[in-house]
Protein backbone atom coordinates (compact mmCIF):
# COMPACT_ATOMS: atom_id res chain seq x y z
CA MET A 1 30.44 -252.73 -35.15
CA SER A 2 29.16 -251.29 -31.82
CA TRP A 3 30.74 -247.86 -31.91
CA PHE A 4 27.99 -245.86 -33.62
CA TRP A 5 28.96 -246.98 -37.01
CA GLY A 6 25.39 -246.07 -38.17
CA LEU A 7 26.35 -242.41 -37.21
CA GLY A 8 28.78 -241.85 -40.11
CA PHE A 9 27.34 -244.24 -42.59
CA PHE A 10 25.50 -241.99 -44.91
CA TYR A 11 27.51 -238.90 -44.09
CA ALA A 12 30.58 -240.61 -45.49
CA ILE A 13 28.77 -241.09 -48.80
CA HIS A 14 27.55 -237.38 -48.90
CA VAL A 15 30.89 -235.73 -48.00
CA THR A 16 32.80 -238.02 -50.53
CA LEU A 17 30.41 -236.91 -53.36
CA THR A 18 30.15 -233.29 -52.30
CA TYR A 19 33.69 -232.40 -51.35
CA GLY A 20 35.79 -234.95 -52.98
CA TRP A 21 38.47 -237.33 -51.41
CA LEU A 22 40.17 -234.75 -49.35
CA GLY A 23 36.81 -233.78 -47.98
CA PHE A 24 36.20 -237.44 -47.00
CA LEU A 25 39.54 -237.49 -45.23
CA ALA A 26 38.71 -234.28 -43.37
CA PHE A 27 35.67 -236.06 -42.04
CA ALA A 28 37.04 -239.64 -41.54
CA LEU A 29 40.38 -238.88 -39.97
CA PRO A 30 39.19 -236.85 -37.02
CA ASN A 31 36.28 -239.45 -36.51
CA ALA A 32 38.79 -242.32 -36.20
CA THR A 33 41.28 -240.29 -34.28
CA GLY A 34 38.72 -239.20 -31.66
CA LEU A 35 37.82 -242.90 -31.06
CA GLY A 36 41.48 -243.89 -30.70
CA LEU A 37 42.30 -241.00 -28.44
CA PHE A 38 39.36 -241.89 -26.13
CA GLY A 39 40.79 -245.36 -25.57
CA TRP A 40 44.40 -244.17 -25.30
CA LEU A 41 43.66 -241.62 -22.58
CA LEU A 42 40.97 -243.52 -20.61
CA GLY A 43 43.05 -246.68 -20.86
CA ALA A 44 46.14 -245.25 -19.22
CA PRO A 45 47.62 -248.09 -17.06
CA ARG A 46 47.14 -246.26 -13.69
CA ARG A 47 43.67 -244.74 -14.61
CA ARG A 48 41.05 -246.48 -12.53
CA ILE A 49 38.25 -246.78 -15.04
CA ASP A 50 35.71 -248.30 -12.57
CA THR A 51 36.10 -245.31 -10.08
CA ILE A 52 35.77 -242.73 -12.87
CA VAL A 53 32.69 -244.49 -14.39
CA ALA A 54 31.00 -244.60 -10.98
CA SER A 55 31.87 -240.92 -10.30
CA VAL A 56 30.56 -239.51 -13.63
CA GLN A 57 27.50 -241.64 -14.34
CA GLY A 58 25.20 -239.53 -12.19
CA PRO A 59 26.44 -235.96 -12.86
CA TYR A 60 26.82 -236.51 -16.58
CA ALA A 61 23.71 -238.78 -17.06
CA LEU A 62 22.00 -236.02 -19.15
CA LEU A 63 24.91 -235.76 -21.49
CA PHE A 64 25.08 -239.48 -21.99
CA LEU A 65 21.41 -239.77 -22.63
CA GLY A 66 21.23 -236.79 -24.90
CA ALA A 67 24.07 -238.30 -26.96
CA GLN A 68 22.24 -241.52 -27.21
CA PHE A 69 19.05 -239.91 -28.14
CA PHE A 70 20.56 -237.90 -31.08
CA ALA A 71 22.73 -240.78 -32.17
CA VAL A 72 19.86 -243.20 -32.44
CA ALA A 73 17.59 -240.51 -34.10
CA ILE A 74 20.44 -240.11 -36.67
CA THR A 75 20.64 -243.81 -37.23
CA ILE A 76 16.87 -244.29 -37.77
CA PHE A 77 16.51 -241.12 -39.86
CA GLY A 78 19.51 -242.06 -42.07
CA PHE A 79 18.40 -245.70 -42.63
CA ALA A 80 14.86 -244.70 -43.32
CA ALA A 81 15.36 -241.66 -45.49
CA TYR A 82 18.47 -242.65 -47.43
CA ALA A 83 18.06 -246.49 -47.84
CA TRP A 84 14.85 -248.19 -46.79
CA LEU A 85 12.18 -245.63 -48.02
CA PRO A 86 13.98 -244.91 -51.33
CA LEU A 87 14.08 -248.61 -52.13
CA PHE A 88 10.78 -249.84 -50.81
CA GLY A 89 8.54 -246.83 -50.46
CA ARG A 90 6.56 -245.37 -47.56
CA ASP A 91 4.33 -248.43 -47.38
CA SER A 92 7.30 -250.48 -46.08
CA VAL A 93 7.48 -248.68 -42.67
CA VAL A 94 6.42 -251.88 -40.93
CA GLY A 95 9.71 -253.54 -42.03
CA LEU A 96 11.73 -250.50 -40.53
CA VAL A 97 9.93 -250.73 -37.17
CA ALA A 98 10.43 -254.57 -37.11
CA LEU A 99 14.11 -254.11 -37.60
CA ILE A 100 14.27 -251.75 -34.58
CA LEU A 101 12.21 -253.92 -32.42
CA ILE A 102 14.47 -257.01 -33.25
CA ALA A 103 17.53 -255.06 -32.37
CA CYS A 104 16.17 -253.92 -29.10
CA SER A 105 14.97 -257.48 -28.27
CA ILE A 106 18.34 -258.87 -28.87
CA ALA A 107 20.00 -256.25 -26.63
CA HIS A 108 17.39 -256.91 -23.92
CA ALA A 109 17.91 -260.56 -23.88
CA VAL A 110 21.67 -260.74 -24.52
CA PRO A 111 24.40 -259.45 -22.25
CA LEU A 112 27.30 -257.35 -23.45
CA ARG A 113 29.64 -260.22 -24.06
CA GLY A 114 26.99 -261.98 -26.19
CA LEU A 115 26.53 -258.76 -28.27
CA ARG A 116 30.22 -258.88 -28.98
CA THR A 117 29.84 -262.29 -30.57
CA ILE A 118 26.78 -261.27 -32.48
CA HIS A 119 28.51 -258.20 -33.70
CA GLY A 120 31.53 -260.21 -34.81
CA VAL A 121 29.33 -262.40 -37.03
CA ALA A 122 27.42 -259.38 -38.30
CA LEU A 123 30.81 -257.70 -39.26
CA VAL A 124 31.79 -260.68 -41.37
CA LEU A 125 28.20 -260.63 -43.03
CA GLY A 126 28.38 -256.91 -43.52
CA LEU A 127 31.68 -257.04 -45.12
CA SER A 128 30.61 -259.86 -47.46
CA ALA A 129 27.55 -257.78 -48.49
CA CYS A 130 29.67 -254.66 -49.10
CA ALA A 131 32.12 -256.63 -51.31
CA LEU A 132 29.23 -258.03 -53.40
CA LEU A 133 27.77 -254.49 -53.63
CA LEU A 134 31.04 -253.11 -54.89
CA VAL A 135 30.94 -255.63 -57.70
CA ASP A 136 27.20 -255.39 -58.62
CA LEU A 137 26.47 -251.78 -57.89
CA PRO A 138 25.82 -250.04 -61.29
CA ARG A 139 28.29 -247.35 -62.28
CA HIS A 140 27.17 -243.83 -62.89
CA PRO A 141 25.99 -243.71 -66.59
CA ASP A 142 27.82 -240.35 -67.33
CA GLY A 143 31.19 -241.76 -66.09
CA TRP A 144 31.28 -239.20 -63.33
CA THR A 145 34.25 -239.51 -60.93
CA VAL A 146 35.00 -238.15 -57.52
CA PRO A 147 37.23 -235.06 -57.64
CA VAL A 148 40.27 -234.76 -55.32
CA HIS A 149 38.60 -231.77 -53.75
CA ALA A 150 35.59 -229.51 -54.22
CA PHE A 151 35.68 -227.14 -51.29
CA ASP A 152 33.25 -224.29 -50.70
CA GLU A 153 32.65 -221.93 -47.75
CA ARG A 154 30.49 -224.46 -45.97
CA PHE A 155 33.30 -227.05 -46.03
CA TYR A 156 35.87 -224.52 -44.58
CA GLY A 157 33.31 -223.62 -41.93
CA LEU A 158 32.70 -227.24 -41.07
CA VAL A 159 36.44 -227.99 -40.40
CA VAL A 160 36.47 -226.71 -36.82
CA PRO A 161 33.07 -228.38 -35.85
CA SER A 162 34.32 -231.72 -37.31
CA LEU A 163 37.43 -231.50 -35.30
CA VAL A 164 35.65 -230.64 -32.09
CA GLY A 165 32.64 -232.85 -32.57
CA PHE A 166 34.53 -236.02 -33.49
CA LEU A 167 37.36 -235.63 -31.03
CA LEU A 168 34.81 -235.13 -28.19
CA GLY A 169 32.16 -237.44 -29.66
CA PRO A 170 33.39 -240.73 -28.08
CA TRP A 171 33.42 -239.18 -24.52
CA MET A 172 29.58 -238.42 -24.90
CA ASP A 173 28.89 -241.98 -25.71
CA ILE A 174 28.10 -244.17 -22.69
CA GLN A 175 28.71 -247.25 -24.99
CA HIS A 176 32.38 -246.45 -24.94
CA TRP A 177 32.52 -246.11 -21.25
CA GLN A 178 30.66 -249.43 -20.82
CA ARG A 179 33.00 -251.18 -23.23
CA ALA A 180 36.24 -249.58 -21.81
CA LEU A 181 35.10 -250.81 -18.37
CA GLU A 182 34.29 -254.26 -19.60
CA ILE A 183 37.69 -254.54 -21.41
CA ARG A 184 39.66 -253.52 -18.29
CA ARG A 185 37.76 -255.95 -16.13
CA SER A 186 38.34 -258.82 -18.51
CA GLY A 187 42.11 -258.15 -18.47
CA GLY A 188 42.39 -256.65 -21.90
CA SER A 189 44.19 -253.40 -22.95
CA VAL A 190 41.78 -250.58 -23.57
CA ARG A 191 44.45 -248.81 -25.58
CA VAL A 192 45.04 -251.64 -27.90
CA ALA A 193 41.37 -252.36 -28.32
CA TYR A 194 40.46 -248.77 -29.17
CA VAL A 195 43.35 -248.18 -31.51
CA THR A 196 42.36 -251.29 -33.33
CA GLY A 197 38.71 -250.24 -33.35
CA ALA A 198 39.78 -246.81 -34.82
CA VAL A 199 41.49 -248.54 -37.69
CA LEU A 200 38.48 -250.71 -38.21
CA PHE A 201 36.15 -247.79 -38.01
CA LEU A 202 38.24 -245.80 -40.62
CA GLY A 203 38.05 -248.86 -42.89
CA LEU A 204 34.30 -249.12 -42.67
CA LEU A 205 33.98 -245.39 -43.61
CA THR A 206 36.38 -245.86 -46.50
CA LEU A 207 34.27 -248.76 -47.85
CA ASN A 208 31.22 -246.30 -47.89
CA ALA A 209 33.30 -243.72 -49.66
CA LEU A 210 34.22 -246.33 -52.42
CA LEU A 211 30.57 -247.16 -52.69
CA ALA A 212 29.80 -243.52 -53.24
CA ALA A 213 32.62 -243.21 -55.82
CA ARG A 214 31.19 -246.18 -57.80
CA ALA A 215 27.54 -244.97 -57.60
CA GLY A 216 28.34 -241.47 -58.67
CA LEU A 217 26.63 -238.22 -57.67
CA GLY A 218 23.20 -238.96 -59.27
CA VAL A 219 20.45 -236.47 -58.57
CA PRO A 220 21.16 -234.72 -55.28
CA VAL A 221 18.11 -234.61 -52.90
CA VAL A 222 17.12 -231.08 -51.99
CA SER A 223 16.04 -230.60 -48.34
CA SER A 224 13.59 -228.07 -47.03
CA ASP A 225 16.54 -225.53 -46.51
CA GLY A 226 17.07 -225.51 -50.31
CA LEU A 227 20.46 -227.31 -50.04
CA PRO A 228 21.27 -230.42 -52.06
CA GLY A 229 22.52 -233.62 -50.41
CA ALA A 230 24.12 -236.74 -51.76
CA TYR A 231 23.19 -239.05 -48.82
CA ALA A 232 20.99 -241.25 -50.96
CA ALA A 233 23.33 -241.58 -54.00
CA VAL A 234 23.90 -245.38 -53.47
CA ALA A 235 20.13 -246.11 -53.17
CA GLN A 236 19.42 -244.04 -56.21
CA ALA A 237 22.11 -246.06 -58.24
CA ILE A 238 20.52 -249.35 -57.25
CA GLY A 239 17.08 -247.90 -58.08
CA ARG A 240 18.19 -246.96 -61.62
CA GLU A 241 19.05 -250.48 -62.59
CA SER A 242 16.94 -252.54 -60.20
CA VAL A 243 19.69 -255.19 -59.66
CA ALA A 244 18.37 -257.79 -57.32
CA GLY A 245 21.76 -258.79 -55.88
CA ALA A 246 22.90 -255.23 -55.28
CA THR A 247 19.63 -254.39 -53.56
CA ALA A 248 19.82 -257.37 -51.17
CA ALA A 249 23.47 -256.61 -50.32
CA PHE A 250 22.82 -252.93 -49.70
CA VAL A 251 19.85 -253.74 -47.40
CA VAL A 252 22.02 -256.24 -45.53
CA TRP A 253 24.93 -253.59 -45.30
CA THR A 254 22.73 -250.87 -43.95
CA ALA A 255 20.46 -252.94 -41.83
CA ILE A 256 23.61 -254.37 -40.00
CA ALA A 257 24.96 -250.93 -39.57
CA ALA A 258 21.55 -249.59 -38.09
CA ALA A 259 20.82 -252.73 -36.00
CA THR A 260 24.16 -252.94 -34.41
CA THR A 261 24.00 -249.22 -33.39
CA ILE A 262 20.41 -249.58 -31.98
CA ASP A 263 21.13 -252.77 -30.02
CA SER A 264 24.30 -251.15 -28.50
CA PHE A 265 22.39 -248.15 -27.57
CA TYR A 266 19.76 -250.21 -25.81
CA ASN A 267 22.29 -252.37 -23.89
CA ALA A 268 24.40 -249.42 -22.81
CA THR A 269 21.50 -247.09 -21.89
CA ARG A 270 19.90 -249.78 -19.86
CA TRP A 271 23.21 -250.33 -18.03
CA LEU A 272 23.49 -246.65 -17.33
CA GLY A 273 19.91 -246.24 -16.19
CA THR A 274 20.15 -249.28 -13.85
CA SER A 275 23.33 -247.89 -12.30
CA VAL A 276 21.94 -244.41 -11.77
CA THR A 277 18.53 -245.50 -10.39
CA ALA A 278 20.30 -247.96 -7.96
CA ARG A 279 22.09 -244.89 -6.37
CA SER A 280 19.20 -242.60 -6.63
CA ASN A 281 17.74 -240.81 -3.72
CA SER A 282 14.47 -240.03 -5.20
CA PRO A 283 11.42 -240.99 -3.36
CA LEU A 284 9.53 -241.17 -6.65
CA LEU A 285 11.06 -244.61 -7.07
CA ALA A 286 8.72 -245.79 -4.31
CA PHE A 287 5.97 -245.12 -6.86
CA VAL A 288 7.48 -246.10 -10.16
CA PRO A 289 9.39 -249.33 -10.59
CA ALA A 290 13.13 -248.73 -11.19
CA GLY A 291 13.11 -251.02 -14.18
CA LEU A 292 10.62 -248.70 -15.87
CA VAL A 293 12.60 -245.60 -15.10
CA SER A 294 15.93 -247.14 -16.41
CA SER A 295 14.35 -248.49 -19.60
CA PRO A 296 15.85 -247.20 -22.87
CA VAL A 297 12.36 -247.45 -24.46
CA TRP A 298 11.64 -243.75 -23.51
CA ILE A 299 14.67 -242.49 -25.42
CA LEU A 300 14.04 -244.92 -28.37
CA GLY A 301 10.45 -243.69 -28.65
CA ALA A 302 11.50 -240.01 -28.61
CA ALA A 303 14.32 -240.73 -31.22
CA LEU A 304 11.92 -242.49 -33.41
CA ALA A 305 9.49 -239.52 -33.19
CA THR A 306 12.20 -237.16 -33.92
CA ALA A 307 13.42 -239.09 -36.84
CA ALA A 308 9.77 -239.30 -38.26
CA ALA A 309 9.43 -235.61 -37.86
CA ALA A 310 12.68 -234.87 -39.54
CA ILE A 311 11.73 -237.00 -42.59
CA TRP A 312 8.30 -235.39 -42.62
CA ALA A 313 10.04 -231.84 -42.65
CA ASN A 314 12.48 -233.01 -45.30
CA LEU A 315 15.54 -232.01 -43.22
CA SER A 316 19.00 -233.30 -43.99
CA LEU A 317 21.08 -235.47 -41.72
CA LEU A 318 23.41 -232.57 -40.78
CA TYR A 319 20.69 -230.94 -38.50
CA LEU A 320 20.69 -234.13 -36.35
CA MET A 321 24.44 -234.30 -36.32
CA MET A 322 24.94 -230.70 -35.26
CA PRO A 323 24.35 -231.19 -31.54
CA PHE A 324 27.53 -233.21 -31.33
CA ALA A 325 29.53 -230.19 -32.36
CA THR A 326 27.53 -227.53 -30.45
CA LEU A 327 24.96 -228.38 -27.86
CA LEU A 328 26.95 -231.20 -26.15
CA VAL A 329 30.50 -230.17 -26.52
CA GLY A 330 30.69 -228.13 -23.22
CA ALA A 331 29.55 -230.96 -21.12
CA ALA A 332 31.75 -233.45 -23.01
CA ALA A 333 34.79 -231.11 -22.43
CA CYS A 334 34.12 -230.94 -18.77
CA LEU A 335 33.90 -234.70 -18.67
CA VAL A 336 37.29 -235.08 -20.33
CA CYS A 337 38.85 -232.58 -18.04
CA GLU A 338 37.41 -234.42 -15.02
CA THR A 339 38.80 -237.80 -16.29
CA LEU A 340 42.20 -236.12 -16.67
CA GLY A 341 42.12 -234.96 -12.99
CA ALA A 342 40.42 -231.56 -12.99
CA THR A 343 38.16 -230.65 -10.08
CA ARG A 344 34.52 -230.83 -11.06
CA ARG A 345 33.09 -227.36 -11.95
CA TYR A 346 30.43 -228.64 -14.21
CA ASP A 347 27.12 -226.74 -14.49
CA SER A 348 24.70 -228.73 -16.66
CA VAL A 349 22.18 -225.88 -17.10
CA LEU A 350 24.86 -223.14 -18.05
CA ASN A 351 26.42 -225.72 -20.65
CA ALA A 352 23.09 -226.46 -22.08
CA MET A 353 22.18 -222.79 -22.42
CA ILE A 354 25.62 -221.94 -23.99
CA GLY A 355 25.26 -225.02 -26.23
CA ALA A 356 21.89 -223.96 -27.44
CA THR A 357 23.31 -220.58 -28.37
CA ALA A 358 26.08 -222.34 -30.32
CA CYS A 359 23.31 -224.28 -32.16
CA LEU A 360 21.65 -221.18 -33.31
CA ILE A 361 24.96 -219.74 -34.51
CA PHE A 362 25.82 -222.92 -36.37
CA VAL A 363 22.44 -223.05 -38.21
CA THR A 364 22.75 -219.35 -39.18
CA GLY A 365 26.19 -220.00 -40.48
CA TYR A 366 25.16 -223.02 -42.47
CA LEU A 367 22.29 -221.46 -44.16
CA ALA A 368 24.01 -218.12 -44.96
CA PRO A 369 26.65 -219.54 -45.58
CA SER A 370 29.26 -218.12 -43.42
CA TRP A 371 32.43 -220.02 -42.64
CA ALA A 372 33.17 -217.69 -39.70
CA LEU A 373 29.88 -218.46 -37.90
CA LEU A 374 30.32 -222.12 -38.62
CA ALA A 375 33.81 -222.21 -37.17
CA ILE A 376 33.07 -220.08 -34.15
CA ALA A 377 29.84 -222.11 -33.14
CA PRO A 378 31.67 -225.04 -31.44
CA LEU A 379 34.20 -222.75 -29.80
CA ILE A 380 31.26 -220.81 -28.17
CA GLY A 381 29.82 -224.22 -26.92
CA LEU A 382 33.20 -224.89 -25.06
CA ILE A 383 32.83 -221.55 -22.97
CA GLY A 384 31.07 -223.52 -20.22
CA ALA A 385 34.03 -225.75 -19.79
CA LEU A 386 36.72 -223.04 -19.68
CA PRO A 387 37.28 -223.18 -15.95
CA MET A 388 38.07 -226.94 -16.02
CA ILE A 389 40.16 -226.53 -19.29
CA ALA A 390 42.12 -223.81 -17.41
CA GLN A 391 42.76 -226.25 -14.62
CA ILE A 392 44.11 -228.95 -17.02
CA LEU A 393 46.38 -226.34 -18.69
CA GLY A 394 47.68 -225.08 -15.25
CA TRP A 395 45.93 -221.82 -15.10
CA ARG A 396 44.33 -222.25 -11.52
CA ALA A 397 42.25 -219.43 -10.24
CA THR A 398 42.89 -218.07 -6.80
CA GLN A 399 40.98 -219.95 -4.20
CA PRO A 400 38.10 -217.86 -2.70
CA ALA A 401 38.87 -216.75 0.84
CA ASP A 402 35.75 -218.32 2.33
CA THR A 403 36.68 -221.75 1.18
CA LEU A 404 39.83 -221.62 3.30
CA ILE A 405 37.58 -221.57 6.34
CA PRO A 406 36.65 -225.12 7.67
CA ALA A 407 33.22 -226.06 6.60
CA ALA A 408 32.05 -226.64 10.13
CA GLU A 409 32.96 -223.01 10.93
CA ARG A 410 31.29 -221.68 7.91
CA ALA A 411 27.91 -223.52 8.72
CA PRO A 412 25.33 -221.09 9.82
CA ARG A 413 24.59 -221.00 13.44
CA ALA A 414 21.03 -221.91 14.37
CA ALA A 415 19.32 -219.19 16.18
CA ALA A 416 17.15 -219.88 19.13
CA VAL A 417 13.43 -220.19 18.41
CA PRO A 418 11.44 -217.49 20.26
CA VAL A 419 8.73 -218.91 22.39
CA ALA A 420 5.60 -216.64 22.49
CA LEU A 421 3.44 -217.78 25.35
CA ASP A 422 0.08 -215.91 26.08
CA ARG A 423 0.36 -216.93 29.78
CA PRO A 424 3.28 -217.73 31.94
CA ASP A 425 1.75 -220.99 33.10
CA THR A 426 1.11 -222.36 29.64
CA VAL A 427 2.74 -225.78 29.41
CA ALA A 428 3.21 -227.53 26.07
CA SER A 429 2.30 -226.85 22.38
CA HIS A 430 3.51 -228.19 19.08
CA GLY A 431 3.20 -227.33 15.24
CA PHE A 432 5.25 -226.27 12.35
CA ASP A 433 7.60 -223.47 11.99
CA GLY A 434 8.39 -223.64 8.26
CA HIS A 435 9.94 -227.05 7.67
CA TRP A 436 10.63 -227.55 11.28
CA PHE A 437 8.34 -229.35 13.59
CA VAL A 438 8.48 -227.66 16.98
CA LEU A 439 7.55 -229.02 20.42
CA ARG A 440 7.56 -226.40 23.27
CA LEU A 441 7.71 -227.61 26.97
CA ILE A 442 8.65 -226.38 30.37
CA PRO A 443 10.81 -228.81 32.54
CA THR A 444 9.65 -229.50 36.02
CA TYR A 445 10.96 -231.24 39.05
CA ASP A 446 10.65 -234.69 37.69
CA ASP A 447 12.91 -233.82 34.72
CA THR A 448 15.78 -232.80 36.80
CA ASN A 449 18.53 -234.43 38.77
CA SER A 450 19.59 -233.87 42.40
CA VAL A 451 21.30 -230.63 41.73
CA GLY A 452 18.44 -228.95 39.69
CA ASN A 453 19.59 -229.21 36.09
CA VAL A 454 17.67 -231.35 33.56
CA TYR A 455 18.92 -235.08 33.61
CA PHE A 456 20.74 -235.80 30.32
CA ALA A 457 18.41 -238.75 29.29
CA ASN A 458 15.50 -236.44 29.28
CA TYR A 459 16.76 -234.51 26.22
CA VAL A 460 16.66 -237.74 24.30
CA ARG A 461 13.16 -238.49 25.64
CA TRP A 462 11.95 -235.03 24.53
CA VAL A 463 13.41 -235.64 20.95
CA GLY A 464 11.55 -238.92 20.88
CA LYS A 465 8.30 -237.20 22.04
CA ALA A 466 8.69 -234.48 19.34
CA ARG A 467 9.31 -237.23 16.71
CA GLU A 468 6.16 -239.09 17.61
CA LEU A 469 4.12 -235.90 17.42
CA PHE A 470 5.69 -234.99 14.13
CA PHE A 471 4.68 -238.56 12.81
CA ASN A 472 1.18 -238.22 14.29
CA VAL A 473 0.64 -234.89 12.40
CA CYS A 474 1.96 -236.13 9.02
CA MET A 475 0.46 -239.53 9.32
CA PRO A 476 -2.76 -239.20 11.33
CA ASP A 477 -4.07 -242.52 9.80
CA PHE A 478 -1.24 -244.76 10.70
CA ASP A 479 -2.39 -247.80 12.53
CA LEU A 480 0.11 -250.09 14.20
CA LYS A 481 -2.30 -253.10 13.90
CA SER A 482 -2.86 -252.95 10.23
CA THR A 483 0.45 -251.51 8.88
CA ASP A 484 2.55 -253.59 6.67
CA PHE A 485 5.81 -251.89 7.73
CA TYR A 486 7.52 -250.83 10.90
CA ILE A 487 9.67 -247.70 11.37
CA LEU A 488 12.88 -248.46 13.24
CA THR A 489 15.60 -246.24 14.60
CA LYS A 490 18.77 -247.18 12.94
CA SER A 491 21.06 -244.79 14.87
CA PHE A 492 20.80 -241.69 17.18
CA HIS A 493 23.34 -239.08 17.99
CA HIS A 494 23.01 -236.07 20.24
CA ASP A 495 25.73 -233.46 20.89
CA PHE A 496 25.20 -231.74 24.38
CA ARG A 497 26.19 -228.05 24.53
CA ARG A 498 24.55 -226.57 27.60
CA GLU A 499 22.21 -227.43 30.52
CA ALA A 500 18.57 -226.33 31.14
CA MET A 501 17.16 -225.81 34.60
CA GLU A 502 13.74 -226.39 36.10
CA PHE A 503 10.92 -224.07 34.69
CA GLU A 504 13.24 -222.88 31.87
CA PRO A 505 11.18 -222.85 28.60
CA VAL A 506 12.55 -225.22 26.09
CA THR A 507 11.94 -225.74 22.40
CA VAL A 508 12.61 -229.06 20.55
CA ARG A 509 12.93 -228.73 16.78
CA ILE A 510 12.92 -231.70 14.28
CA SER A 511 13.20 -231.62 10.45
CA ILE A 512 14.01 -234.04 7.66
CA ALA A 513 17.79 -233.49 7.00
CA SER A 514 18.33 -236.05 4.15
CA HIS A 515 16.91 -239.22 2.63
CA ASN A 516 17.75 -241.82 0.11
CA ARG A 517 15.68 -244.85 -1.09
CA LYS A 518 15.72 -246.66 2.18
CA PHE A 519 16.82 -244.31 5.01
CA VAL A 520 15.45 -240.96 6.33
CA THR A 521 17.73 -238.77 8.54
CA LEU A 522 15.97 -236.49 11.05
CA ALA A 523 17.92 -233.54 12.43
CA HIS A 524 16.97 -232.08 15.85
CA GLU A 525 17.94 -229.08 17.98
CA ILE A 526 17.00 -228.18 21.49
CA HIS A 527 16.82 -224.59 22.50
CA SER A 528 16.34 -222.65 25.80
CA GLU A 529 15.02 -219.20 26.16
CA VAL A 530 17.63 -218.50 28.77
CA ASN A 531 20.90 -220.40 27.53
CA GLY A 532 20.23 -220.60 23.66
CA LEU A 533 21.30 -223.77 21.94
CA LEU A 534 21.35 -226.69 24.46
CA GLY A 535 22.22 -229.40 21.95
CA ARG A 536 21.73 -230.83 18.47
CA GLY A 537 21.98 -234.16 16.71
CA GLU A 538 20.35 -236.50 14.26
CA GLN A 539 18.75 -239.92 14.01
CA SER A 540 18.47 -242.34 11.09
CA LEU A 541 15.26 -244.17 10.34
CA MET A 542 14.83 -247.36 8.37
CA PHE A 543 11.82 -249.36 7.29
CA VAL A 544 11.18 -253.12 7.52
CA ASP A 545 8.28 -255.39 6.73
CA THR A 546 6.12 -256.63 9.53
CA VAL A 547 6.64 -260.37 8.92
CA HIS A 548 10.39 -260.95 8.26
CA TYR A 549 11.75 -257.61 9.21
CA ARG A 550 13.51 -257.27 5.84
CA PRO A 551 14.62 -253.76 4.94
CA LEU A 552 12.24 -251.90 2.48
CA ASP A 553 12.36 -248.87 0.33
CA ILE A 554 10.75 -245.81 1.88
CA PRO A 555 6.97 -246.84 1.85
CA ARG A 556 4.57 -244.83 -0.22
CA THR A 557 2.57 -243.69 2.83
CA ILE A 558 5.71 -242.32 4.25
CA VAL A 559 6.53 -240.48 1.03
CA GLU A 560 3.04 -239.07 0.79
CA GLY A 561 2.93 -238.00 4.32
CA PHE A 562 6.26 -236.38 4.54
CA LEU A 563 6.63 -235.12 1.02
CA PRO A 564 5.99 -231.48 1.89
CA TYR A 565 8.83 -231.55 4.44
CA TRP A 566 11.66 -232.89 2.33
CA PRO A 567 14.86 -230.62 2.69
CA LYS A 568 15.22 -227.79 0.22
CA VAL A 569 17.98 -229.52 -1.53
CA SER A 570 15.82 -232.47 -2.40
CA PRO A 571 14.41 -232.40 -6.01
CA HIS A 572 11.03 -233.06 -4.55
CA ALA A 573 10.88 -230.36 -1.97
CA VAL A 574 7.71 -228.34 -1.80
CA THR A 575 8.04 -224.48 -2.25
CA GLY A 576 6.52 -222.11 0.22
CA GLU A 577 5.76 -222.84 3.92
CA PRO A 578 3.91 -226.16 4.07
CA SER A 579 1.11 -226.83 6.54
CA PRO A 580 -0.71 -230.15 6.62
CA ALA A 581 -4.45 -230.16 6.35
CA GLY A 582 -6.12 -229.33 9.52
CA VAL A 583 -2.97 -228.33 11.39
CA ALA A 584 -2.12 -224.58 11.67
CA PRO A 585 1.43 -223.32 11.68
CA LEU A 586 2.92 -222.65 15.12
CA GLY A 587 1.81 -219.19 16.27
CA ALA A 588 -1.19 -219.01 14.06
């Protein structure tokens, strides 16, 4: 009951009444097959699910979160538009919101294994309610029966989107990844569990098809696009006769489907968010609590607003299902290929743009109708995954020549920084050269050894001097007596290249090379006007509290002081050439 049962709940009713029994099978079989294939492929005996999950959580986080958003929006929309509101009216919205909050509260308080027990009990209650509903549900007064098939151009056009969307759908769902990992850790068979789950899922869909057949077509609900839909046929049948037992059974059946979808969403999304933020390098986590960032409440709120807007606009359920066959398929295909061993060539922005184009083509084909446009839309969505699909199929592209060169040799050589001195007897100056903090100095006799070259330890001392000046410029108000944290040097490395001599102008450059939540790495270079690069290296800084010397996340004052100088690869880098207030760039 945790595999997005709410996703196909009302569509199973609609497709049975609109396209007949063969139409239902065309929807249900790919749906169940996709679920079983996910477990069969991911659960291969030698496939390390924990390693794969850790590898894909971050890069594919937007895919997972996007799928959860649309799935929860579908669940809320379907339950509200095709069950709750038709039975109880728009004044009963409070009950709908209460159900959502109860489901989220359960997921927040109960771990995954506890949810499994709750869902087991819910399954028994749901099946009992469905059995009662099959007995008490009033039959269609005209004796209408479901045809074997009633295909039209839209149906033929939806065959390919159904195959692509339902076969890839489970891979987009972080709930499946969480459950597969838990099954493997507990010693169970992922393959057996998912094949069994697929059979169970097909059975649940079949029960709704039987409910649809008993209720009959009724009066189709015409959405704002002018197309009729049979999603609310069971609720209409109950409303015609006002049978109390059937009403209660249908509410229990639909509420369980919705609640078990929502609590599973909350549990899995919270698990994903916690895992991603724990490994995040973002300094913004120094400002915002990680628990707030990883909370599923934001996605739930957006999904609830989207469902409300769709109800207000009188859209049909298909428009919320469409992203699973268009917008998200490129990223999902990349994920499948990577799981099967392909090298990651996933571009989230490119796949999103191609997926959005596929959405537009799908909508155009659905409204026209045009089976060709409907069929080609999901195939267009897969274009972004073609390089990785080609790898899986054995069509490997020729490796670019530059990738054959070792990375160290391809790294750009740092050019010496020119030193512009107005007078030959000018001694030291410091300031910024772009993102580099630069200290200029001239070695004298006390910096050299007995043979006239600079003593090796002085290079380290100069780097330390440049670092302290860098700190002083970025954090002029730092007071060692009142601070609640200390900055410690965790490690220091310097690679000596050449020697400098007395009175040979030297430039020391320091910049922020990288960072995560707890450590900052500073890169440094030492240049000579005469001999060029003298050496380079890096140092790692950590932060501890002043009482117990416990490691801290990067303190807020550090983030604020150094934010303009994050490396360009950082998502928080400031564009342009930064210059702190009151300090002119070097050479100004």
